[in-house]
Amino acid sequence: ELKKGRRVKMNIKVEQINDVQVAILEGEINVNNAMELSGALNKIIKAGGKQILVDFEKVIFIDSSGLAVLIDAVSCLQDIGGQLRLCNVNRKIKGIFELTKMHKLMDICDSRDIGLKEFA
């Protein structure tokens, strides 16, 4: 468990697998670093990436600013005929997505492999 007051930063790594850009996130997505995630996703889109799979396996928390970044990316991608999918979302975060109806905006896949196959 996290100690109160300890700031957990987020790491973002991007890998390309065929035509899919896989954004591998780690840590917390919150008001302090949501712009970092936004920048990383915008960079992928500006570089011509239309298929983005966001791997949540090592994400332990997301707040409303993180949700806003994902919604933003979804609408940008929809405008250019692209798609955003999530994979490896833990139960707690999946609950947040369901509460906020985010799961209706984007596909949430159980694993990276499934996510990649669904883009094909």
Protein backbone atom coordinates (compact mmCIF):
# COMPACT_ATOMS: atom_id res chain seq x y z
CA GLU A 1 0.00 0.00 0.00
CA LEU A 2 1.06 3.58 -0.56
CA LYS A 3 2.00 5.79 2.32
CA LYS A 4 -0.05 8.97 2.66
CA GLY A 5 1.57 11.99 1.12
CA ARG A 6 4.01 9.99 -0.97
CA ARG A 7 3.87 11.17 -4.56
CA VAL A 8 3.92 8.37 -7.08
CA LYS A 9 5.04 9.52 -10.46
CA MET A 10 3.95 8.07 -13.75
CA ASN A 11 6.20 6.52 -16.34
CA ILE A 12 5.20 6.26 -20.00
CA LYS A 13 6.90 4.01 -22.50
CA VAL A 14 5.72 3.74 -26.11
CA GLU A 15 6.37 0.70 -28.29
CA GLN A 16 5.23 0.10 -31.85
CA ILE A 17 3.81 -3.32 -32.66
CA ASN A 18 2.87 -3.50 -36.35
CA ASP A 19 0.54 -0.50 -36.90
CA VAL A 20 -0.35 -0.16 -33.22
CA GLN A 21 1.32 2.25 -30.81
CA VAL A 22 1.34 0.67 -27.36
CA ALA A 23 1.56 3.20 -24.52
CA ILE A 24 2.71 1.38 -21.40
CA LEU A 25 1.84 3.35 -18.29
CA GLU A 26 3.11 2.84 -14.78
CA GLY A 27 2.17 4.49 -11.49
CA GLU A 28 -0.59 7.02 -10.88
CA ILE A 29 -2.38 9.16 -13.44
CA ASN A 30 -3.44 12.27 -11.58
CA VAL A 31 -3.74 16.04 -11.73
CA ASN A 32 0.04 16.38 -11.32
CA ASN A 33 0.97 14.34 -14.38
CA ALA A 34 -2.11 14.15 -16.62
CA MET A 35 -0.56 16.70 -18.99
CA GLU A 36 2.42 14.39 -19.41
CA LEU A 37 0.08 11.61 -20.58
CA SER A 38 -1.76 14.07 -22.81
CA GLY A 39 1.54 15.13 -24.38
CA ALA A 40 2.61 11.52 -25.00
CA LEU A 41 -0.72 10.60 -26.66
CA ASN A 42 -0.76 13.81 -28.73
CA LYS A 43 2.78 13.11 -29.90
CA ILE A 44 1.70 9.64 -31.14
CA ILE A 45 -1.32 11.13 -32.94
CA LYS A 46 0.71 13.99 -34.49
CA ALA A 47 3.23 11.44 -35.75
CA GLY A 48 0.41 9.67 -37.62
CA GLY A 49 -0.48 7.01 -35.06
CA LYS A 50 -4.15 6.09 -35.44
CA GLN A 51 -4.29 2.94 -33.35
CA ILE A 52 -3.28 3.34 -29.73
CA LEU A 53 -3.39 0.61 -27.12
CA VAL A 54 -2.89 1.92 -23.60
CA ASP A 55 -1.53 -0.75 -21.26
CA PHE A 56 -2.79 -0.16 -17.71
CA GLU A 57 -1.12 -3.21 -16.15
CA LYS A 58 1.06 -1.13 -13.80
CA VAL A 59 -1.37 1.75 -13.24
CA ILE A 60 -2.49 1.90 -9.62
CA PHE A 61 -4.71 5.00 -9.72
CA ILE A 62 -6.44 7.38 -12.11
CA ASP A 63 -8.34 10.55 -11.25
CA SER A 64 -10.72 12.74 -13.24
CA SER A 65 -7.89 14.64 -14.94
CA GLY A 66 -6.55 11.32 -16.25
CA LEU A 67 -10.02 10.36 -17.46
CA ALA A 68 -10.29 13.72 -19.24
CA VAL A 69 -7.01 13.05 -21.09
CA LEU A 70 -8.29 9.66 -22.30
CA ILE A 71 -11.61 11.17 -23.45
CA ASP A 72 -9.67 13.85 -25.31
CA ALA A 73 -7.48 11.27 -27.04
CA VAL A 74 -10.54 9.20 -28.02
CA SER A 75 -12.21 12.20 -29.66
CA CYS A 76 -8.99 13.24 -31.47
CA LEU A 77 -8.58 9.72 -32.81
CA GLN A 78 -12.24 9.43 -33.83
CA ASP A 79 -11.84 12.63 -35.88
CA ILE A 80 -9.08 10.97 -37.95
CA GLY A 81 -10.65 7.49 -38.12
CA GLY A 82 -8.43 6.09 -35.38
CA GLN A 83 -9.10 4.19 -32.19
CA LEU A 84 -7.98 4.03 -28.58
CA ARG A 85 -8.15 0.78 -26.63
CA LEU A 86 -7.14 -0.03 -23.08
CA CYS A 87 -5.80 -3.32 -21.79
CA ASN A 88 -4.82 -4.91 -18.48
CA VAL A 89 -7.07 -2.60 -16.46
CA ASN A 90 -7.32 -3.66 -12.81
CA ARG A 91 -10.65 -4.18 -11.08
CA LYS A 92 -10.56 -0.90 -9.14
CA ILE A 93 -9.84 1.23 -12.21
CA LYS A 94 -12.34 -0.75 -14.31
CA GLY A 95 -14.90 0.16 -11.63
CA ILE A 96 -14.08 3.85 -12.07
CA PHE A 97 -14.48 3.50 -15.86
CA GLU A 98 -17.87 1.83 -15.40
CA LEU A 99 -19.01 4.44 -12.87
CA THR A 100 -18.12 7.25 -15.28
CA LYS A 101 -19.41 5.33 -18.35
CA MET A 102 -15.90 5.52 -19.88
CA HIS A 103 -16.15 1.85 -20.86
CA LYS A 104 -18.79 2.88 -23.41
CA LEU A 105 -16.32 5.26 -25.10
CA MET A 106 -13.45 2.85 -25.61
CA ASP A 107 -12.77 -0.86 -25.73
CA ILE A 108 -11.24 -2.35 -22.62
CA CYS A 109 -9.45 -5.62 -23.36
CA ASP A 110 -8.24 -8.16 -20.83
CA SER A 111 -4.74 -8.48 -22.25
CA ARG A 112 -2.30 -6.76 -24.58
CA ASP A 113 -2.53 -9.68 -27.03
CA ILE A 114 -6.32 -9.42 -27.24
CA GLY A 115 -6.06 -5.65 -27.68
CA LEU A 116 -3.56 -6.01 -30.52
CA LYS A 117 -5.67 -8.70 -32.25
CA GLU A 118 -8.77 -6.49 -32.12
CA PHE A 119 -6.99 -3.76 -34.08
CA ALA A 120 -6.17 -6.19 -36.89
